[in-house]
């Protein structure tokens, strides 16, 4: 049986700084970002809002998707967010 995975984007505000990541436990990881338990870019830039995520049946698929998205231009990532979440609403309460 394969483990499911998620690709996600955290942001500090609408059209602000974003952080792209992958996890097998989206609620837990988003909470860690929200409470700044994870050292690094997301903490330094206050990326505490879960603004986009994509579910995959296999964590390896999620990792492959993350690598593709990391190569995308910033404008493309913003368009990806705004396609599903035009208000840049924090989606954490929707998944928790």
PDB file of N, CA and C in Angstrom:
ATOM      1  N   UNK A   1       0.840  -1.184   0.000  1.00  0.00           N
ATOM      2  CA  UNK A   1       0.000   0.000   0.000  1.00  0.00           C
ATOM      3  C   UNK A   1       0.888   1.251   0.000  1.00  0.00           C
ATOM      4  N   UNK A   2       0.565   2.194  -0.854  1.00  0.00           N
ATOM      5  CA  UNK A   2       1.361   3.418  -0.939  1.00  0.00           C
ATOM      6  C   UNK A   2       0.823   4.479   0.007  1.00  0.00           C
ATOM      7  N   UNK A   3       1.705   5.373   0.386  1.00  0.00           N
ATOM      8  CA  UNK A   3       1.346   6.469   1.282  1.00  0.00           C
ATOM      9  C   UNK A   3       0.917   7.670   0.436  1.00  0.00           C
ATOM     10  N   UNK A   4      -0.185   8.291   0.809  1.00  0.00           N
ATOM     11  CA  UNK A   4      -0.670   9.484   0.107  1.00  0.00           C
ATOM     12  C   UNK A   4       0.253  10.656   0.399  1.00  0.00           C
ATOM     13  N   UNK A   5       0.214  11.654  -0.460  1.00  0.00           N
ATOM     14  CA  UNK A   5       1.040  12.838  -0.263  1.00  0.00           C
ATOM     15  C   UNK A   5       0.336  14.091  -0.737  1.00  0.00           C
ATOM     16  N   UNK A   6       0.840  15.223  -0.301  1.00  0.00           N
ATOM     17  CA  UNK A   6       0.277  16.523  -0.646  1.00  0.00           C
ATOM     18  C   UNK A   6       1.394  17.478  -1.048  1.00  0.00           C
ATOM     19  N   UNK A   7       1.130  18.254  -2.072  1.00  0.00           N
ATOM     20  CA  UNK A   7       1.982  19.383  -2.423  1.00  0.00           C
ATOM     21  C   UNK A   7       1.205  20.599  -1.947  1.00  0.00           C
ATOM     22  N   UNK A   8       1.882  21.572  -1.341  1.00  0.00           N
ATOM     23  CA  UNK A   8       1.158  22.702  -0.769  1.00  0.00           C
ATOM     24  C   UNK A   8       1.952  23.989  -0.909  1.00  0.00           C
ATOM     25  N   UNK A   9       1.234  25.087  -0.856  1.00  0.00           N
ATOM     26  CA  UNK A   9       1.838  26.416  -0.854  1.00  0.00           C
ATOM     27  C   UNK A   9       1.356  27.178   0.370  1.00  0.00           C
ATOM     28  N   UNK A  10       2.325  27.709   1.110  1.00  0.00           N
ATOM     29  CA  UNK A  10       2.053  28.589   2.233  1.00  0.00           C
ATOM     30  C   UNK A  10       2.403  30.008   1.777  1.00  0.00           C
ATOM     31  N   UNK A  11       1.742  31.008   2.344  1.00  0.00           N
ATOM     32  CA  UNK A  11       2.031  32.406   1.996  1.00  0.00           C
ATOM     33  C   UNK A  11       1.975  33.270   3.241  1.00  0.00           C
ATOM     34  N   UNK A  12       2.597  34.446   3.140  1.00  0.00           N
ATOM     35  CA  UNK A  12       2.531  35.377   4.267  1.00  0.00           C
ATOM     36  C   UNK A  12       1.404  36.391   4.090  1.00  0.00           C
ATOM     37  N   UNK A  13       0.954  36.587   2.849  1.00  0.00           N
ATOM     38  CA  UNK A  13      -0.185  37.462   2.538  1.00  0.00           C
ATOM     39  C   UNK A  13      -0.517  37.287   1.065  1.00  0.00           C
ATOM     40  N   UNK A  14      -1.584  37.902   0.624  1.00  0.00           N
ATOM     41  CA  UNK A  14      -1.981  37.828  -0.781  1.00  0.00           C
ATOM     42  C   UNK A  14      -0.851  38.350  -1.669  1.00  0.00           C
ATOM     43  N   UNK A  15      -0.450  37.532  -2.616  1.00  0.00           N
ATOM     44  CA  UNK A  15       0.618  37.852  -3.571  1.00  0.00           C
ATOM     45  C   UNK A  15       1.951  38.192  -2.902  1.00  0.00           C
ATOM     46  N   UNK A  16       2.122  37.716  -1.688  1.00  0.00           N
ATOM     47  CA  UNK A  16       3.363  37.955  -0.955  1.00  0.00           C
ATOM     48  C   UNK A  16       4.343  36.811  -1.150  1.00  0.00           C
ATOM     49  N   UNK A  17       5.155  36.573  -0.145  1.00  0.00           N
ATOM     50  CA  UNK A  17       6.123  35.482  -0.166  1.00  0.00           C
ATOM     51  C   UNK A  17       5.381  34.156  -0.109  1.00  0.00           C
ATOM     52  N   UNK A  18       5.900  33.156  -0.807  1.00  0.00           N
ATOM     53  CA  UNK A  18       5.296  31.829  -0.783  1.00  0.00           C
ATOM     54  C   UNK A  18       6.358  30.781  -0.503  1.00  0.00           C
ATOM     55  N   UNK A  19       5.894  29.677   0.057  1.00  0.00           N
ATOM     56  CA  UNK A  19       6.750  28.526   0.335  1.00  0.00           C
ATOM     57  C   UNK A  19       6.055  27.296  -0.221  1.00  0.00           C
ATOM     58  N   UNK A  20       6.767  26.517  -1.022  1.00  0.00           N
ATOM     59  CA  UNK A  20       6.247  25.297  -1.628  1.00  0.00           C
ATOM     60  C   UNK A  20       6.830  24.093  -0.920  1.00  0.00           C
ATOM     61  N   UNK A  21       5.972  23.145  -0.536  1.00  0.00           N
ATOM     62  CA  UNK A  21       6.456  21.957   0.157  1.00  0.00           C
ATOM     63  C   UNK A  21       5.654  20.722  -0.191  1.00  0.00           C
ATOM     64  N   UNK A  22       6.089  19.599   0.343  1.00  0.00           N
ATOM     65  CA  UNK A  22       5.404  18.320   0.163  1.00  0.00           C
ATOM     66  C   UNK A  22       5.368  17.623   1.519  1.00  0.00           C
ATOM     67  N   UNK A  23       4.293  16.895   1.779  1.00  0.00           N
ATOM     68  CA  UNK A  23       4.137  16.200   3.058  1.00  0.00           C
ATOM     69  C   UNK A  23       3.156  15.048   2.908  1.00  0.00           C
ATOM     70  N   UNK A  24       3.216  14.125   3.837  1.00  0.00           N
ATOM     71  CA  UNK A  24       2.217  13.056   3.876  1.00  0.00           C
ATOM     72  C   UNK A  24       1.137  13.370   4.914  1.00  0.00           C
ATOM     73  N   UNK A  25       1.344  14.418   5.728  1.00  0.00           N
ATOM     74  CA  UNK A  25       0.393  14.815   6.768  1.00  0.00           C
ATOM     75  C   UNK A  25       0.136  16.318   6.666  1.00  0.00           C
ATOM     76  N   UNK A  26      -0.792  16.704   5.814  1.00  0.00           N
ATOM     77  CA  UNK A  26      -1.009  18.116   5.510  1.00  0.00           C
ATOM     78  C   UNK A  26      -1.449  18.926   6.729  1.00  0.00           C
ATOM     79  N   UNK A  27      -2.383  18.433   7.500  1.00  0.00           N
ATOM     80  CA  UNK A  27      -2.864  19.183   8.662  1.00  0.00           C
ATOM     81  C   UNK A  27      -1.719  19.442   9.640  1.00  0.00           C
ATOM     82  N   UNK A  28      -0.957  18.403   9.937  1.00  0.00           N
ATOM     83  CA  UNK A  28       0.166  18.541  10.865  1.00  0.00           C
ATOM     84  C   UNK A  28       1.203  19.524  10.330  1.00  0.00           C
ATOM     85  N   UNK A  29       1.563  19.397   9.054  1.00  0.00           N
ATOM     86  CA  UNK A  29       2.593  20.273   8.499  1.00  0.00           C
ATOM     87  C   UNK A  29       2.122  21.716   8.423  1.00  0.00           C
ATOM     88  N   UNK A  30       0.867  21.943   8.022  1.00  0.00           N
ATOM     89  CA  UNK A  30       0.348  23.314   7.967  1.00  0.00           C
ATOM     90  C   UNK A  30       0.340  23.927   9.373  1.00  0.00           C
ATOM     91  N   UNK A  31      -0.029  23.135  10.373  1.00  0.00           N
ATOM     92  CA  UNK A  31      -0.004  23.613  11.757  1.00  0.00           C
ATOM     93  C   UNK A  31       1.415  23.999  12.171  1.00  0.00           C
ATOM     94  N   UNK A  32       2.388  23.191  11.794  1.00  0.00           N
ATOM     95  CA  UNK A  32       3.783  23.492  12.126  1.00  0.00           C
ATOM     96  C   UNK A  32       4.223  24.817  11.500  1.00  0.00           C
ATOM     97  N   UNK A  33       3.810  25.065  10.271  1.00  0.00           N
ATOM     98  CA  UNK A  33       4.134  26.350   9.639  1.00  0.00           C
ATOM     99  C   UNK A  33       3.410  27.495  10.349  1.00  0.00           C
ATOM    100  N   UNK A  34       2.130  27.299  10.656  1.00  0.00           N
ATOM    101  CA  UNK A  34       1.326  28.349  11.308  1.00  0.00           C
ATOM    102  C   UNK A  34       1.915  28.765  12.649  1.00  0.00           C
ATOM    103  N   UNK A  35       2.429  27.793  13.371  1.00  0.00           N
ATOM    104  CA  UNK A  35       2.961  28.067  14.704  1.00  0.00           C
ATOM    105  C   UNK A  35       4.478  28.265  14.691  1.00  0.00           C
ATOM    106  N   UNK A  36       5.051  28.319  13.509  1.00  0.00           N
ATOM    107  CA  UNK A  36       6.478  28.596  13.291  1.00  0.00           C
ATOM    108  C   UNK A  36       7.387  27.602  14.005  1.00  0.00           C
ATOM    109  N   UNK A  37       6.990  26.331  13.978  1.00  0.00           N
ATOM    110  CA  UNK A  37       7.798  25.268  14.565  1.00  0.00           C
ATOM    111  C   UNK A  37       8.885  24.788  13.613  1.00  0.00           C
ATOM    112  N   UNK A  38       8.766  25.131  12.338  1.00  0.00           N
ATOM    113  CA  UNK A  38       9.730  24.697  11.327  1.00  0.00           C
ATOM    114  C   UNK A  38      10.693  25.841  11.042  1.00  0.00           C
ATOM    115  N   UNK A  39      11.975  25.594  11.270  1.00  0.00           N
ATOM    116  CA  UNK A  39      12.998  26.597  10.992  1.00  0.00           C
ATOM    117  C   UNK A  39      13.182  26.747   9.488  1.00  0.00           C
ATOM    118  N   UNK A  40      13.593  27.923   9.061  1.00  0.00           N
ATOM    119  CA  UNK A  40      13.926  28.126   7.657  1.00  0.00           C
ATOM    120  C   UNK A  40      13.094  29.211   7.003  1.00  0.00           C
ATOM    121  N   UNK A  41      12.964  29.101   5.696  1.00  0.00           N
ATOM    122  CA  UNK A  41      12.350  30.134   4.871  1.00  0.00           C
ATOM    123  C   UNK A  41      10.942  30.496   5.323  1.00  0.00           C
ATOM    124  N   UNK A  42      10.099  29.504   5.542  1.00  0.00           N
ATOM    125  CA  UNK A  42       8.696  29.801   5.886  1.00  0.00           C
ATOM    126  C   UNK A  42       8.596  30.565   7.207  1.00  0.00           C
ATOM    127  N   UNK A  43       9.434  30.236   8.162  1.00  0.00           N
ATOM    128  CA  UNK A  43       9.433  30.951   9.440  1.00  0.00           C
ATOM    129  C   UNK A  43      10.001  32.358   9.282  1.00  0.00           C
ATOM    130  N   UNK A  44      11.110  32.476   8.561  1.00  0.00           N
ATOM    131  CA  UNK A  44      11.761  33.773   8.357  1.00  0.00           C
ATOM    132  C   UNK A  44      10.851  34.762   7.626  1.00  0.00           C
ATOM    133  N   UNK A  45      10.025  34.243   6.711  1.00  0.00           N
ATOM    134  CA  UNK A  45       9.177  35.111   5.893  1.00  0.00           C
ATOM    135  C   UNK A  45       7.704  35.086   6.310  1.00  0.00           C
ATOM    136  N   UNK A  46       7.427  34.496   7.479  1.00  0.00           N
ATOM    137  CA  UNK A  46       6.079  34.497   8.057  1.00  0.00           C
ATOM    138  C   UNK A  46       5.037  33.841   7.155  1.00  0.00           C
ATOM    139  N   UNK A  47       5.418  32.766   6.472  1.00  0.00           N
ATOM    140  CA  UNK A  47       4.496  32.036   5.592  1.00  0.00           C
ATOM    141  C   UNK A  47       3.638  31.100   6.449  1.00  0.00           C
ATOM    142  N   UNK A  48       2.523  31.611   6.935  1.00  0.00           N
ATOM    143  CA  UNK A  48       1.670  30.871   7.867  1.00  0.00           C
ATOM    144  C   UNK A  48       0.293  30.544   7.303  1.00  0.00           C
ATOM    145  N   UNK A  49      -0.010  31.006   6.099  1.00  0.00           N
ATOM    146  CA  UNK A  49      -1.321  30.779   5.491  1.00  0.00           C
ATOM    147  C   UNK A  49      -1.246  29.656   4.465  1.00  0.00           C
ATOM    148  N   UNK A  50      -2.044  28.627   4.637  1.00  0.00           N
ATOM    149  CA  UNK A  50      -2.142  27.567   3.644  1.00  0.00           C
ATOM    150  C   UNK A  50      -3.063  28.067   2.538  1.00  0.00           C
ATOM    151  N   UNK A  51      -2.505  28.368   1.360  1.00  0.00           N
ATOM    152  CA  UNK A  51      -3.309  28.992   0.298  1.00  0.00           C
ATOM    153  C   UNK A  51      -3.597  28.061  -0.872  1.00  0.00           C
ATOM    154  N   UNK A  52      -2.897  26.919  -0.959  1.00  0.00           N
ATOM    155  CA  UNK A  52      -3.130  25.973  -2.052  1.00  0.00           C
ATOM    156  C   UNK A  52      -2.568  24.624  -1.657  1.00  0.00           C
ATOM    157  N   UNK A  53      -3.250  23.562  -2.078  1.00  0.00           N
ATOM    158  CA  UNK A  53      -2.694  22.222  -1.922  1.00  0.00           C
ATOM    159  C   UNK A  53      -3.292  21.303  -2.968  1.00  0.00           C
ATOM    160  N   UNK A  54      -2.587  20.222  -3.196  1.00  0.00           N
ATOM    161  CA  UNK A  54      -2.985  19.236  -4.188  1.00  0.00           C
ATOM    162  C   UNK A  54      -2.706  17.863  -3.587  1.00  0.00           C
ATOM    163  N   UNK A  55      -3.702  16.986  -3.604  1.00  0.00           N
ATOM    164  CA  UNK A  55      -3.562  15.643  -3.034  1.00  0.00           C
ATOM    165  C   UNK A  55      -3.123  14.645  -4.109  1.00  0.00           C
ATOM    166  N   UNK A  56      -2.279  13.699  -3.694  1.00  0.00           N
ATOM    167  CA  UNK A  56      -1.800  12.636  -4.583  1.00  0.00           C
ATOM    168  C   UNK A  56      -1.940  11.309  -3.858  1.00  0.00           C
ATOM    169  N   UNK A  57      -2.245  10.265  -4.606  1.00  0.00           N
ATOM    170  CA  UNK A  57      -2.395   8.935  -4.015  1.00  0.00           C
ATOM    171  C   UNK A  57      -1.069   8.374  -3.520  1.00  0.00           C
ATOM    172  N   UNK A  58       0.028   8.849  -4.093  1.00  0.00           N
ATOM    173  CA  UNK A  58       1.352   8.326  -3.773  1.00  0.00           C
ATOM    174  C   UNK A  58       2.289   9.491  -3.444  1.00  0.00           C
ATOM    175  N   UNK A  59       3.003   9.400  -2.344  1.00  0.00           N
ATOM    176  CA  UNK A  59       3.924  10.458  -1.924  1.00  0.00           C
ATOM    177  C   UNK A  59       4.992  10.717  -2.983  1.00  0.00           C
ATOM    178  N   UNK A  60       5.381   9.682  -3.717  1.00  0.00           N
ATOM    179  CA  UNK A  60       6.386   9.872  -4.772  1.00  0.00           C
ATOM    180  C   UNK A  60       5.838  10.747  -5.899  1.00  0.00           C
ATOM    181  N   UNK A  61       4.559  10.591  -6.215  1.00  0.00           N
ATOM    182  CA  UNK A  61       3.918  11.463  -7.210  1.00  0.00           C
ATOM    183  C   UNK A  61       3.908  12.906  -6.715  1.00  0.00           C
ATOM    184  N   UNK A  62       3.627  13.073  -5.435  1.00  0.00           N
ATOM    185  CA  UNK A  62       3.610  14.411  -4.844  1.00  0.00           C
ATOM    186  C   UNK A  62       4.998  15.036  -4.904  1.00  0.00           C
ATOM    187  N   UNK A  63       6.031  14.260  -4.619  1.00  0.00           N
ATOM    188  CA  UNK A  63       7.406  14.777  -4.683  1.00  0.00           C
ATOM    189  C   UNK A  63       7.782  15.172  -6.107  1.00  0.00           C
ATOM    190  N   UNK A  64       7.374  14.357  -7.076  1.00  0.00           N
ATOM    191  CA  UNK A  64       7.666  14.668  -8.481  1.00  0.00           C
ATOM    192  C   UNK A  64       6.963  15.964  -8.890  1.00  0.00           C
ATOM    193  N   UNK A  65       5.723  16.132  -8.453  1.00  0.00           N
ATOM    194  CA  UNK A  65       4.976  17.354  -8.753  1.00  0.00           C
ATOM    195  C   UNK A  65       5.637  18.568  -8.096  1.00  0.00           C
ATOM    196  N   UNK A  66       6.094  18.409  -6.860  1.00  0.00           N
ATOM    197  CA  UNK A  66       6.782  19.497  -6.173  1.00  0.00           C
ATOM    198  C   UNK A  66       8.009  19.932  -6.964  1.00  0.00           C
ATOM    199  N   UNK A  67       8.805  18.973  -7.439  1.00  0.00           N
ATOM    200  CA  UNK A  67      10.008  19.326  -8.198  1.00  0.00           C
ATOM    201  C   UNK A  67       9.657  20.096  -9.467  1.00  0.00           C
ATOM    202  N   UNK A  68       8.571  19.699 -10.134  1.00  0.00           N
ATOM    203  CA  UNK A  68       8.139  20.431 -11.335  1.00  0.00           C
ATOM    204  C   UNK A  68       7.732  21.855 -10.972  1.00  0.00           C
ATOM    205  N   UNK A  69       6.948  21.986  -9.898  1.00  0.00           N
ATOM    206  CA  UNK A  69       6.470  23.312  -9.493  1.00  0.00           C
ATOM    207  C   UNK A  69       7.605  24.206  -9.016  1.00  0.00           C
ATOM    208  N   UNK A  70       8.624  23.640  -8.411  1.00  0.00           N
ATOM    209  CA  UNK A  70       9.764  24.453  -7.953  1.00  0.00           C
ATOM    210  C   UNK A  70      10.470  25.128  -9.124  1.00  0.00           C
ATOM    211  N   UNK A  71      10.344  24.564 -10.309  1.00  0.00           N
ATOM    212  CA  UNK A  71      10.962  25.136 -11.508  1.00  0.00           C
ATOM    213  C   UNK A  71      10.080  26.203 -12.158  1.00  0.00           C
ATOM    214  N   UNK A  72       8.835  26.286 -11.732  1.00  0.00           N
ATOM    215  CA  UNK A  72       7.902  27.259 -12.301  1.00  0.00           C
ATOM    216  C   UNK A  72       8.296  28.676 -11.925  1.00  0.00           C
ATOM    217  N   UNK A  73       7.903  29.607 -12.783  1.00  0.00           N
ATOM    218  CA  UNK A  73       8.062  31.022 -12.477  1.00  0.00           C
ATOM    219  C   UNK A  73       7.049  31.413 -11.402  1.00  0.00           C
ATOM    220  N   UNK A  74       7.382  32.434 -10.658  1.00  0.00           N
ATOM    221  CA  UNK A  74       6.521  32.928  -9.579  1.00  0.00           C
ATOM    222  C   UNK A  74       5.116  33.239 -10.087  1.00  0.00           C
ATOM    223  N   UNK A  75       5.024  33.881 -11.253  1.00  0.00           N
ATOM    224  CA  UNK A  75       3.704  34.253 -11.797  1.00  0.00           C
ATOM    225  C   UNK A  75       2.827  33.029 -12.034  1.00  0.00           C
ATOM    226  N   UNK A  76       3.430  31.936 -12.453  1.00  0.00           N
ATOM    227  CA  UNK A  76       2.669  30.714 -12.699  1.00  0.00           C
ATOM    228  C   UNK A  76       2.142  30.135 -11.393  1.00  0.00           C
ATOM    229  N   UNK A  77       2.954  30.201 -10.332  1.00  0.00           N
ATOM    230  CA  UNK A  77       2.499  29.705  -9.030  1.00  0.00           C
ATOM    231  C   UNK A  77       1.364  30.565  -8.496  1.00  0.00           C
ATOM    232  N   UNK A  78       1.466  31.865  -8.687  1.00  0.00           N
ATOM    233  CA  UNK A  78       0.386  32.768  -8.260  1.00  0.00           C
ATOM    234  C   UNK A  78      -0.899  32.437  -9.014  1.00  0.00           C
ATOM    235  N   UNK A  79      -0.789  32.197 -10.304  1.00  0.00           N
ATOM    236  CA  UNK A  79      -1.968  31.828 -11.111  1.00  0.00           C
ATOM    237  C   UNK A  79      -2.564  30.515 -10.616  1.00  0.00           C
ATOM    238  N   UNK A  80      -1.716  29.570 -10.236  1.00  0.00           N
ATOM    239  CA  UNK A  80      -2.186  28.285  -9.711  1.00  0.00           C
ATOM    240  C   UNK A  80      -3.001  28.499  -8.435  1.00  0.00           C
ATOM    241  N   UNK A  81      -2.506  29.347  -7.544  1.00  0.00           N
ATOM    242  CA  UNK A  81      -3.227  29.661  -6.308  1.00  0.00           C
ATOM    243  C   UNK A  81      -4.552  30.330  -6.631  1.00  0.00           C
ATOM    244  N   UNK A  82      -4.508  31.367  -7.466  1.00  0.00           N
ATOM    245  CA  UNK A  82      -5.704  32.166  -7.730  1.00  0.00           C
ATOM    246  C   UNK A  82      -6.766  31.426  -8.533  1.00  0.00           C
ATOM    247  N   UNK A  83      -6.366  30.374  -9.235  1.00  0.00           N
ATOM    248  CA  UNK A  83      -7.335  29.552  -9.957  1.00  0.00           C
ATOM    249  C   UNK A  83      -8.277  28.848  -8.987  1.00  0.00           C
ATOM    250  N   UNK A  84      -7.746  28.380  -7.863  1.00  0.00           N
ATOM    251  CA  UNK A  84      -8.553  27.660  -6.877  1.00  0.00           C
ATOM    252  C   UNK A  84      -8.908  28.496  -5.661  1.00  0.00           C
ATOM    253  N   UNK A  85      -8.133  29.536  -5.398  1.00  0.00           N
ATOM    254  CA  UNK A  85      -8.314  30.320  -4.177  1.00  0.00           C
ATOM    255  C   UNK A  85      -8.069  31.802  -4.483  1.00  0.00           C
ATOM    256  N   UNK A  86      -8.966  32.425  -5.262  1.00  0.00           N
ATOM    257  CA  UNK A  86      -8.727  33.798  -5.716  1.00  0.00           C
ATOM    258  C   UNK A  86      -8.611  34.822  -4.586  1.00  0.00           C
ATOM    259  N   UNK A  87      -9.166  34.542  -3.433  1.00  0.00           N
ATOM    260  CA  UNK A  87      -9.102  35.468  -2.302  1.00  0.00           C
ATOM    261  C   UNK A  87      -7.881  35.212  -1.422  1.00  0.00           C
ATOM    262  N   UNK A  88      -7.102  34.197  -1.732  1.00  0.00           N
ATOM    263  CA  UNK A  88      -5.949  33.808  -0.926  1.00  0.00           C
ATOM    264  C   UNK A  88      -6.380  33.525   0.519  1.00  0.00           C
ATOM    265  N   UNK A  89      -7.517  32.889   0.646  1.00  0.00           N
ATOM    266  CA  UNK A  89      -8.063  32.527   1.952  1.00  0.00           C
ATOM    267  C   UNK A  89      -7.198  31.447   2.587  1.00  0.00           C
ATOM    268  N   UNK A  90      -7.025  31.480   3.888  1.00  0.00           N
ATOM    269  CA  UNK A  90      -6.298  30.453   4.614  1.00  0.00           C
ATOM    270  C   UNK A  90      -7.169  29.196   4.627  1.00  0.00           C
ATOM    271  N   UNK A  91      -6.679  28.112   4.044  1.00  0.00           N
ATOM    272  CA  UNK A  91      -7.451  26.876   3.895  1.00  0.00           C
ATOM    273  C   UNK A  91      -7.291  25.924   5.082  1.00  0.00           C
ATOM    274  N   UNK A  92      -6.547  26.325   6.081  1.00  0.00           N
ATOM    275  CA  UNK A  92      -6.280  25.439   7.203  1.00  0.00           C
ATOM    276  C   UNK A  92      -7.568  24.963   7.879  1.00  0.00           C
ATOM    277  N   UNK A  93      -8.495  25.870   8.142  1.00  0.00           N
ATOM    278  CA  UNK A  93      -9.732  25.471   8.807  1.00  0.00           C
ATOM    279  C   UNK A  93     -10.569  24.516   7.967  1.00  0.00           C
ATOM    280  N   UNK A  94     -10.403  24.551   6.659  1.00  0.00           N
ATOM    281  CA  UNK A  94     -11.132  23.647   5.779  1.00  0.00           C
ATOM    282  C   UNK A  94     -10.636  22.199   5.915  1.00  0.00           C
ATOM    283  N   UNK A  95      -9.366  22.036   6.257  1.00  0.00           N
ATOM    284  CA  UNK A  95      -8.801  20.684   6.332  1.00  0.00           C
ATOM    285  C   UNK A  95      -8.648  20.174   7.756  1.00  0.00           C
ATOM    286  N   UNK A  96      -8.648  21.067   8.736  1.00  0.00           N
ATOM    287  CA  UNK A  96      -8.422  20.663  10.132  1.00  0.00           C
ATOM    288  C   UNK A  96      -9.676  20.153  10.794  1.00  0.00           C
TER     289      UNK A  96
END
